[in-house]
PDB file of N, CA and C in Angstrom:
ATOM      1  N   UNK A   1       0.700  -1.145   0.026  1.00  0.00           N
ATOM      2  CA  UNK A   1      -0.026  -0.075   0.029  1.00  0.00           C
ATOM      3  C   UNK A   1       0.978   1.238   0.143  1.00  0.00           C
ATOM      4  N   UNK A   2       2.006   1.128   0.550  1.00  0.00           N
ATOM      5  CA  UNK A   2       2.811   2.357   0.823  1.00  0.00           C
ATOM      6  C   UNK A   2       3.192   3.035  -0.575  1.00  0.00           C
ATOM      7  N   UNK A   3       3.386   2.216  -1.618  1.00  0.00           N
ATOM      8  CA  UNK A   3       3.748   2.726  -2.831  1.00  0.00           C
ATOM      9  C   UNK A   3       2.840   2.765  -3.830  1.00  0.00           C
ATOM     10  N   UNK A   4       1.566   2.983  -3.392  1.00  0.00           N
ATOM     11  CA  UNK A   4       0.464   2.929  -4.409  1.00  0.00           C
ATOM     12  C   UNK A   4       0.500   4.257  -5.221  1.00  0.00           C
ATOM     13  N   UNK A   5       1.093   5.287  -4.854  1.00  0.00           N
ATOM     14  CA  UNK A   5       1.135   6.625  -5.562  1.00  0.00           C
ATOM     15  C   UNK A   5       2.323   6.762  -6.280  1.00  0.00           C
ATOM     16  N   UNK A   6       3.321   5.460  -6.375  1.00  0.00           N
ATOM     17  CA  UNK A   6       4.518   5.587  -7.144  1.00  0.00           C
ATOM     18  C   UNK A   6       3.886   5.559  -8.929  1.00  0.00           C
ATOM     19  N   UNK A   7       4.810   6.379  -9.638  1.00  0.00           N
ATOM     20  CA  UNK A   7       4.582   6.183 -10.995  1.00  0.00           C
ATOM     21  C   UNK A   7       5.610   5.236 -11.519  1.00  0.00           C
ATOM     22  N   UNK A   8       5.059   4.620 -12.620  1.00  0.00           N
ATOM     23  CA  UNK A   8       5.858   3.625 -13.234  1.00  0.00           C
ATOM     24  C   UNK A   8       7.208   3.984 -13.809  1.00  0.00           C
ATOM     25  N   UNK A   9       7.092   5.334 -14.266  1.00  0.00           N
ATOM     26  CA  UNK A   9       8.307   5.978 -14.665  1.00  0.00           C
ATOM     27  C   UNK A   9       9.358   6.517 -13.726  1.00  0.00           C
ATOM     28  N   UNK A  10       9.181   6.294 -12.423  1.00  0.00           N
ATOM     29  CA  UNK A  10       9.941   6.706 -11.242  1.00  0.00           C
ATOM     30  C   UNK A  10       9.673   8.041 -10.783  1.00  0.00           C
ATOM     31  N   UNK A  11       8.704   8.709 -11.210  1.00  0.00           N
ATOM     32  CA  UNK A  11       8.363  10.002 -10.892  1.00  0.00           C
ATOM     33  C   UNK A  11       7.491  10.271  -9.702  1.00  0.00           C
ATOM     34  N   UNK A  12       7.471   9.258  -8.840  1.00  0.00           N
ATOM     35  CA  UNK A  12       6.476   9.361  -7.613  1.00  0.00           C
ATOM     36  C   UNK A  12       7.114   9.797  -6.483  1.00  0.00           C
ATOM     37  N   UNK A  13       6.405   9.474  -5.278  1.00  0.00           N
ATOM     38  CA  UNK A  13       6.914   9.936  -4.069  1.00  0.00           C
ATOM     39  C   UNK A  13       8.209   9.603  -3.497  1.00  0.00           C
ATOM     40  N   UNK A  14       8.491   8.246  -3.692  1.00  0.00           N
ATOM     41  CA  UNK A  14       9.677   7.643  -3.211  1.00  0.00           C
ATOM     42  C   UNK A  14      10.710   7.288  -4.394  1.00  0.00           C
ATOM     43  N   UNK A  15      10.426   7.523  -5.547  1.00  0.00           N
ATOM     44  CA  UNK A  15      11.275   7.236  -6.754  1.00  0.00           C
ATOM     45  C   UNK A  15      11.460   5.885  -7.296  1.00  0.00           C
ATOM     46  N   UNK A  16      10.502   5.003  -6.635  1.00  0.00           N
ATOM     47  CA  UNK A  16      10.641   3.601  -7.013  1.00  0.00           C
ATOM     48  C   UNK A  16      10.123   3.569  -8.502  1.00  0.00           C
ATOM     49  N   UNK A  17      10.691   2.486  -9.221  1.00  0.00           N
ATOM     50  CA  UNK A  17      10.501   2.589 -10.726  1.00  0.00           C
ATOM     51  C   UNK A  17      10.137   1.194 -11.313  1.00  0.00           C
ATOM     52  N   UNK A  18       9.182   1.299 -12.146  1.00  0.00           N
ATOM     53  CA  UNK A  18       8.953  -0.129 -12.850  1.00  0.00           C
ATOM     54  C   UNK A  18       8.649  -1.199 -11.954  1.00  0.00           C
ATOM     55  N   UNK A  19       9.363  -2.431 -12.276  1.00  0.00           N
ATOM     56  CA  UNK A  19       9.092  -3.556 -11.526  1.00  0.00           C
ATOM     57  C   UNK A  19       9.558  -3.493 -10.189  1.00  0.00           C
ATOM     58  N   UNK A  20      10.114  -2.352  -9.684  1.00  0.00           N
ATOM     59  CA  UNK A  20      10.579  -2.347  -8.191  1.00  0.00           C
ATOM     60  C   UNK A  20       9.308  -1.819  -7.360  1.00  0.00           C
ATOM     61  N   UNK A  21       8.418  -1.472  -7.933  1.00  0.00           N
ATOM     62  CA  UNK A  21       7.085  -1.059  -7.260  1.00  0.00           C
ATOM     63  C   UNK A  21       6.501  -2.371  -6.927  1.00  0.00           C
ATOM     64  N   UNK A  22       6.089  -2.583  -5.877  1.00  0.00           N
ATOM     65  CA  UNK A  22       5.524  -3.893  -5.579  1.00  0.00           C
ATOM     66  C   UNK A  22       4.123  -4.226  -6.473  1.00  0.00           C
ATOM     67  N   UNK A  23       3.732  -5.487  -6.829  1.00  0.00           N
ATOM     68  CA  UNK A  23       2.897  -5.567  -7.650  1.00  0.00           C
ATOM     69  C   UNK A  23       1.444  -5.088  -7.272  1.00  0.00           C
ATOM     70  N   UNK A  24       1.090  -5.511  -5.891  1.00  0.00           N
ATOM     71  CA  UNK A  24      -0.087  -4.932  -5.457  1.00  0.00           C
ATOM     72  C   UNK A  24      -0.264  -3.474  -5.655  1.00  0.00           C
ATOM     73  N   UNK A  25       0.866  -2.707  -5.216  1.00  0.00           N
ATOM     74  CA  UNK A  25       0.915  -1.176  -5.290  1.00  0.00           C
ATOM     75  C   UNK A  25       0.603  -0.669  -6.801  1.00  0.00           C
ATOM     76  N   UNK A  26       1.142  -1.445  -7.769  1.00  0.00           N
ATOM     77  CA  UNK A  26       1.046  -1.172  -9.291  1.00  0.00           C
ATOM     78  C   UNK A  26      -0.488  -1.374  -9.623  1.00  0.00           C
ATOM     79  N   UNK A  27      -1.255  -2.398  -8.926  1.00  0.00           N
ATOM     80  CA  UNK A  27      -2.604  -2.718  -9.324  1.00  0.00           C
ATOM     81  C   UNK A  27      -3.393  -1.490  -8.775  1.00  0.00           C
ATOM     82  N   UNK A  28      -3.196  -1.516  -7.378  1.00  0.00           N
ATOM     83  CA  UNK A  28      -3.978  -0.412  -6.631  1.00  0.00           C
ATOM     84  C   UNK A  28      -3.872   0.881  -7.410  1.00  0.00           C
ATOM     85  N   UNK A  29      -2.784   1.377  -7.882  1.00  0.00           N
ATOM     86  CA  UNK A  29      -2.452   2.683  -8.659  1.00  0.00           C
ATOM     87  C   UNK A  29      -3.482   2.777  -9.648  1.00  0.00           C
ATOM     88  N   UNK A  30      -3.701   1.842 -10.402  1.00  0.00           N
ATOM     89  CA  UNK A  30      -4.526   1.905 -11.572  1.00  0.00           C
ATOM     90  C   UNK A  30      -6.129   1.826 -11.144  1.00  0.00           C
ATOM     91  N   UNK A  31      -6.495   1.064 -10.131  1.00  0.00           N
ATOM     92  CA  UNK A  31      -7.737   0.935  -9.687  1.00  0.00           C
ATOM     93  C   UNK A  31      -8.223   2.320  -9.027  1.00  0.00           C
ATOM     94  N   UNK A  32      -7.323   2.975  -8.180  1.00  0.00           N
ATOM     95  CA  UNK A  32      -7.477   3.994  -7.612  1.00  0.00           C
ATOM     96  C   UNK A  32      -7.704   5.227  -8.552  1.00  0.00           C
ATOM     97  N   UNK A  33      -6.854   5.225  -9.664  1.00  0.00           N
ATOM     98  CA  UNK A  33      -7.163   6.059 -10.810  1.00  0.00           C
ATOM     99  C   UNK A  33      -8.495   6.080 -11.528  1.00  0.00           C
ATOM    100  N   UNK A  34      -8.744   4.791 -11.649  1.00  0.00           N
ATOM    101  CA  UNK A  34     -10.173   4.512 -12.309  1.00  0.00           C
ATOM    102  C   UNK A  34     -11.327   5.200 -11.436  1.00  0.00           C
ATOM    103  N   UNK A  35     -11.128   4.869 -10.102  1.00  0.00           N
ATOM    104  CA  UNK A  35     -12.169   5.293  -9.171  1.00  0.00           C
ATOM    105  C   UNK A  35     -12.352   6.890  -9.195  1.00  0.00           C
ATOM    106  N   UNK A  36     -11.025   7.513  -9.200  1.00  0.00           N
ATOM    107  CA  UNK A  36     -11.198   9.043  -9.313  1.00  0.00           C
ATOM    108  C   UNK A  36     -11.718   9.494 -10.537  1.00  0.00           C
ATOM    109  N   UNK A  37     -11.392   8.856 -11.691  1.00  0.00           N
ATOM    110  CA  UNK A  37     -11.884   9.409 -12.798  1.00  0.00           C
ATOM    111  C   UNK A  37     -13.409   9.078 -12.999  1.00  0.00           C
ATOM    112  N   UNK A  38     -13.890   7.999 -12.441  1.00  0.00           N
ATOM    113  CA  UNK A  38     -15.121   7.666 -12.565  1.00  0.00           C
ATOM    114  C   UNK A  38     -16.189   8.506 -11.704  1.00  0.00           C
ATOM    115  N   UNK A  39     -15.758   8.705 -10.590  1.00  0.00           N
ATOM    116  CA  UNK A  39     -16.653   9.626  -9.600  1.00  0.00           C
ATOM    117  C   UNK A  39     -16.310  10.893  -9.466  1.00  0.00           C
ATOM    118  N   UNK A  40     -15.115  11.288 -10.052  1.00  0.00           N
ATOM    119  CA  UNK A  40     -14.741  12.737  -9.899  1.00  0.00           C
ATOM    120  C   UNK A  40     -14.072  13.049  -8.481  1.00  0.00           C
ATOM    121  N   UNK A  41     -13.779  14.258  -8.454  1.00  0.00           N
ATOM    122  CA  UNK A  41     -13.336  14.834  -7.114  1.00  0.00           C
ATOM    123  C   UNK A  41     -13.727  16.184  -7.170  1.00  0.00           C
ATOM    124  N   UNK A  42     -13.467  17.104  -6.161  1.00  0.00           N
ATOM    125  CA  UNK A  42     -13.864  18.448  -6.010  1.00  0.00           C
ATOM    126  C   UNK A  42     -13.124  19.015  -7.328  1.00  0.00           C
ATOM    127  N   UNK A  43     -11.935  18.672  -7.494  1.00  0.00           N
ATOM    128  CA  UNK A  43     -11.007  19.418  -8.685  1.00  0.00           C
ATOM    129  C   UNK A  43     -11.247  18.773 -10.083  1.00  0.00           C
ATOM    130  N   UNK A  44     -12.086  17.592 -10.121  1.00  0.00           N
ATOM    131  CA  UNK A  44     -11.999  17.013 -11.385  1.00  0.00           C
ATOM    132  C   UNK A  44     -13.457  16.410 -11.548  1.00  0.00           C
ATOM    133  N   UNK A  45     -14.052  16.705 -12.797  1.00  0.00           N
ATOM    134  CA  UNK A  45     -15.284  16.238 -12.986  1.00  0.00           C
ATOM    135  C   UNK A  45     -15.236  14.621 -13.485  1.00  0.00           C
ATOM    136  N   UNK A  46     -16.336  13.935 -13.142  1.00  0.00           N
ATOM    137  CA  UNK A  46     -16.163  12.379 -13.628  1.00  0.00           C
ATOM    138  C   UNK A  46     -16.059  12.413 -15.105  1.00  0.00           C
ATOM    139  N   UNK A  47     -15.429  11.367 -15.468  1.00  0.00           N
ATOM    140  CA  UNK A  47     -15.325  11.090 -16.928  1.00  0.00           C
ATOM    141  C   UNK A  47     -16.169   9.602 -17.326  1.00  0.00           C
ATOM    142  N   UNK A  48     -16.447   9.508 -18.531  1.00  0.00           N
ATOM    143  CA  UNK A  48     -17.324   8.262 -18.851  1.00  0.00           C
ATOM    144  C   UNK A  48     -16.220   7.217 -19.234  1.00  0.00           C
ATOM    145  N   UNK A  49     -16.675   5.955 -19.296  1.00  0.00           N
ATOM    146  CA  UNK A  49     -15.981   4.824 -19.515  1.00  0.00           C
ATOM    147  C   UNK A  49     -14.831   4.992 -20.693  1.00  0.00           C
ATOM    148  N   UNK A  50     -15.266   5.397 -21.671  1.00  0.00           N
ATOM    149  CA  UNK A  50     -14.423   5.629 -22.869  1.00  0.00           C
ATOM    150  C   UNK A  50     -13.313   6.691 -22.663  1.00  0.00           C
ATOM    151  N   UNK A  51     -13.484   7.805 -21.989  1.00  0.00           N
ATOM    152  CA  UNK A  51     -12.523   8.687 -21.621  1.00  0.00           C
ATOM    153  C   UNK A  51     -11.459   8.047 -20.612  1.00  0.00           C
ATOM    154  N   UNK A  52     -11.963   7.363 -19.702  1.00  0.00           N
ATOM    155  CA  UNK A  52     -11.168   6.686 -18.544  1.00  0.00           C
ATOM    156  C   UNK A  52     -10.139   5.623 -19.274  1.00  0.00           C
ATOM    157  N   UNK A  53     -10.791   4.709 -20.249  1.00  0.00           N
ATOM    158  CA  UNK A  53      -9.986   3.805 -20.921  1.00  0.00           C
ATOM    159  C   UNK A  53      -8.876   4.542 -21.661  1.00  0.00           C
ATOM    160  N   UNK A  54      -9.402   5.539 -22.359  1.00  0.00           N
ATOM    161  CA  UNK A  54      -8.241   6.230 -23.114  1.00  0.00           C
ATOM    162  C   UNK A  54      -7.052   6.802 -22.251  1.00  0.00           C
ATOM    163  N   UNK A  55      -7.445   7.446 -21.167  1.00  0.00           N
ATOM    164  CA  UNK A  55      -6.492   8.026 -20.418  1.00  0.00           C
ATOM    165  C   UNK A  55      -5.596   7.034 -19.705  1.00  0.00           C
ATOM    166  N   UNK A  56      -6.207   5.893 -19.378  1.00  0.00           N
ATOM    167  CA  UNK A  56      -5.312   4.810 -18.674  1.00  0.00           C
ATOM    168  C   UNK A  56      -4.281   4.286 -19.797  1.00  0.00           C
ATOM    169  N   UNK A  57      -4.781   4.124 -20.991  1.00  0.00           N
ATOM    170  CA  UNK A  57      -3.917   3.644 -22.027  1.00  0.00           C
ATOM    171  C   UNK A  57      -2.840   4.749 -22.298  1.00  0.00           C
ATOM    172  N   UNK A  58      -3.259   5.990 -22.337  1.00  0.00           N
ATOM    173  CA  UNK A  58      -2.279   7.184 -22.594  1.00  0.00           C
ATOM    174  C   UNK A  58      -1.138   7.295 -21.722  1.00  0.00           C
ATOM    175  N   UNK A  59      -1.617   6.860 -20.380  1.00  0.00           N
ATOM    176  CA  UNK A  59      -0.525   6.958 -19.356  1.00  0.00           C
ATOM    177  C   UNK A  59       0.141   5.810 -18.971  1.00  0.00           C
ATOM    178  N   UNK A  60      -0.061   4.677 -19.746  1.00  0.00           N
ATOM    179  CA  UNK A  60       0.546   3.603 -19.271  1.00  0.00           C
ATOM    180  C   UNK A  60       2.133   3.718 -19.849  1.00  0.00           C
ATOM    181  N   UNK A  61       2.977   3.013 -19.054  1.00  0.00           N
ATOM    182  CA  UNK A  61       4.574   3.148 -19.110  1.00  0.00           C
ATOM    183  C   UNK A  61       4.896   4.648 -18.515  1.00  0.00           C
ATOM    184  N   UNK A  62       3.979   5.407 -18.207  1.00  0.00           N
ATOM    185  CA  UNK A  62       4.242   6.593 -17.387  1.00  0.00           C
ATOM    186  C   UNK A  62       3.841   6.423 -15.847  1.00  0.00           C
ATOM    187  N   UNK A  63       2.421   6.567 -15.829  1.00  0.00           N
ATOM    188  CA  UNK A  63       1.938   6.382 -14.427  1.00  0.00           C
ATOM    189  C   UNK A  63       1.735   4.977 -13.990  1.00  0.00           C
ATOM    190  N   UNK A  64       1.445   4.038 -15.056  1.00  0.00           N
ATOM    191  CA  UNK A  64       0.919   2.613 -14.900  1.00  0.00           C
ATOM    192  C   UNK A  64       2.040   1.603 -15.529  1.00  0.00           C
ATOM    193  N   UNK A  65       1.880   0.348 -14.936  1.00  0.00           N
ATOM    194  CA  UNK A  65       2.615  -0.584 -15.570  1.00  0.00           C
ATOM    195  C   UNK A  65       1.742  -0.999 -16.982  1.00  0.00           C
ATOM    196  N   UNK A  66       2.489  -0.973 -18.001  1.00  0.00           N
ATOM    197  CA  UNK A  66       2.000  -1.022 -19.261  1.00  0.00           C
ATOM    198  C   UNK A  66       1.162  -2.489 -19.406  1.00  0.00           C
ATOM    199  N   UNK A  67       1.672  -3.511 -18.836  1.00  0.00           N
ATOM    200  CA  UNK A  67       0.859  -4.827 -19.080  1.00  0.00           C
ATOM    201  C   UNK A  67      -0.245  -4.765 -18.089  1.00  0.00           C
ATOM    202  N   UNK A  68      -0.130  -4.276 -17.043  1.00  0.00           N
ATOM    203  CA  UNK A  68      -1.480  -4.178 -16.021  1.00  0.00           C
ATOM    204  C   UNK A  68      -2.515  -3.290 -16.663  1.00  0.00           C
ATOM    205  N   UNK A  69      -2.107  -2.196 -17.266  1.00  0.00           N
ATOM    206  CA  UNK A  69      -3.112  -1.146 -17.834  1.00  0.00           C
ATOM    207  C   UNK A  69      -3.723  -1.959 -18.996  1.00  0.00           C
ATOM    208  N   UNK A  70      -2.781  -2.497 -19.831  1.00  0.00           N
ATOM    209  CA  UNK A  70      -3.539  -3.267 -21.102  1.00  0.00           C
ATOM    210  C   UNK A  70      -4.610  -4.250 -20.624  1.00  0.00           C
ATOM    211  N   UNK A  71      -4.205  -5.000 -19.525  1.00  0.00           N
ATOM    212  CA  UNK A  71      -5.328  -6.057 -19.167  1.00  0.00           C
ATOM    213  C   UNK A  71      -6.277  -5.396 -18.443  1.00  0.00           C
ATOM    214  N   UNK A  72      -6.379  -4.310 -17.795  1.00  0.00           N
ATOM    215  CA  UNK A  72      -7.333  -3.782 -17.011  1.00  0.00           C
ATOM    216  C   UNK A  72      -8.165  -2.907 -18.168  1.00  0.00           C
ATOM    217  N   UNK A  73      -7.600  -2.252 -19.082  1.00  0.00           N
ATOM    218  CA  UNK A  73      -8.444  -1.821 -20.109  1.00  0.00           C
ATOM    219  C   UNK A  73      -9.265  -2.832 -20.989  1.00  0.00           C
ATOM    220  N   UNK A  74      -8.503  -3.810 -21.305  1.00  0.00           N
ATOM    221  CA  UNK A  74      -9.317  -4.910 -22.046  1.00  0.00           C
ATOM    222  C   UNK A  74     -10.422  -5.367 -21.175  1.00  0.00           C
ATOM    223  N   UNK A  75     -10.355  -5.529 -19.881  1.00  0.00           N
ATOM    224  CA  UNK A  75     -11.424  -6.022 -18.934  1.00  0.00           C
ATOM    225  C   UNK A  75     -12.517  -5.028 -18.965  1.00  0.00           C
ATOM    226  N   UNK A  76     -12.135  -3.637 -18.993  1.00  0.00           N
ATOM    227  CA  UNK A  76     -13.172  -2.741 -19.045  1.00  0.00           C
ATOM    228  C   UNK A  76     -13.884  -2.789 -20.309  1.00  0.00           C
ATOM    229  N   UNK A  77     -13.193  -2.803 -21.571  1.00  0.00           N
ATOM    230  CA  UNK A  77     -13.804  -2.845 -22.797  1.00  0.00           C
ATOM    231  C   UNK A  77     -14.723  -3.878 -22.883  1.00  0.00           C
ATOM    232  N   UNK A  78     -14.295  -5.276 -22.398  1.00  0.00           N
ATOM    233  CA  UNK A  78     -15.177  -6.335 -22.402  1.00  0.00           C
ATOM    234  C   UNK A  78     -16.340  -6.273 -21.732  1.00  0.00           C
ATOM    235  N   UNK A  79     -16.330  -5.648 -20.422  1.00  0.00           N
ATOM    236  CA  UNK A  79     -17.461  -5.543 -19.550  1.00  0.00           C
ATOM    237  C   UNK A  79     -18.469  -4.495 -20.104  1.00  0.00           C
ATOM    238  N   UNK A  80     -17.691  -3.375 -20.721  1.00  0.00           N
ATOM    239  CA  UNK A  80     -18.617  -2.418 -21.389  1.00  0.00           C
ATOM    240  C   UNK A  80     -19.460  -2.945 -22.577  1.00  0.00           C
ATOM    241  N   UNK A  81     -18.853  -3.748 -23.160  1.00  0.00           N
ATOM    242  CA  UNK A  81     -19.460  -4.416 -24.446  1.00  0.00           C
ATOM    243  C   UNK A  81     -20.693  -5.349 -23.748  1.00  0.00           C
ATOM    244  N   UNK A  82     -20.453  -5.987 -22.715  1.00  0.00           N
ATOM    245  CA  UNK A  82     -21.387  -6.954 -22.304  1.00  0.00           C
ATOM    246  C   UNK A  82     -22.486  -6.188 -21.730  1.00  0.00           C
ATOM    247  N   UNK A  83     -22.228  -4.948 -21.173  1.00  0.00           N
ATOM    248  CA  UNK A  83     -23.374  -4.135 -20.482  1.00  0.00           C
ATOM    249  C   UNK A  83     -24.392  -3.583 -21.790  1.00  0.00           C
ATOM    250  N   UNK A  84     -23.777  -3.541 -22.938  1.00  0.00           N
ATOM    251  CA  UNK A  84     -24.506  -2.986 -23.924  1.00  0.00           C
ATOM    252  C   UNK A  84     -25.427  -3.955 -24.517  1.00  0.00           C
ATOM    253  N   UNK A  85     -25.164  -5.255 -24.278  1.00  0.00           N
ATOM    254  CA  UNK A  85     -25.933  -6.266 -24.987  1.00  0.00           C
ATOM    255  C   UNK A  85     -27.299  -6.541 -24.288  1.00  0.00           C
TER     256      UNK A  85
END
């Protein structure tokens, strides 16, 4: 949990980078960002599912582990398609 605000490129609070960030922290980083984008904050309006997926993809390898971000966005796209059926 301590490192869930670390960025994959090493620009986080503690300077951990890439696979040196614990796996659970890398997963929580993506899910926490998703929650922030979906529900918004005082400083940020909520985004729709498409916008969230695009933002996570665009920040992979910067904020997020690229492999985890791809898996998560694929999951979201699959779930979104199922909801439309």
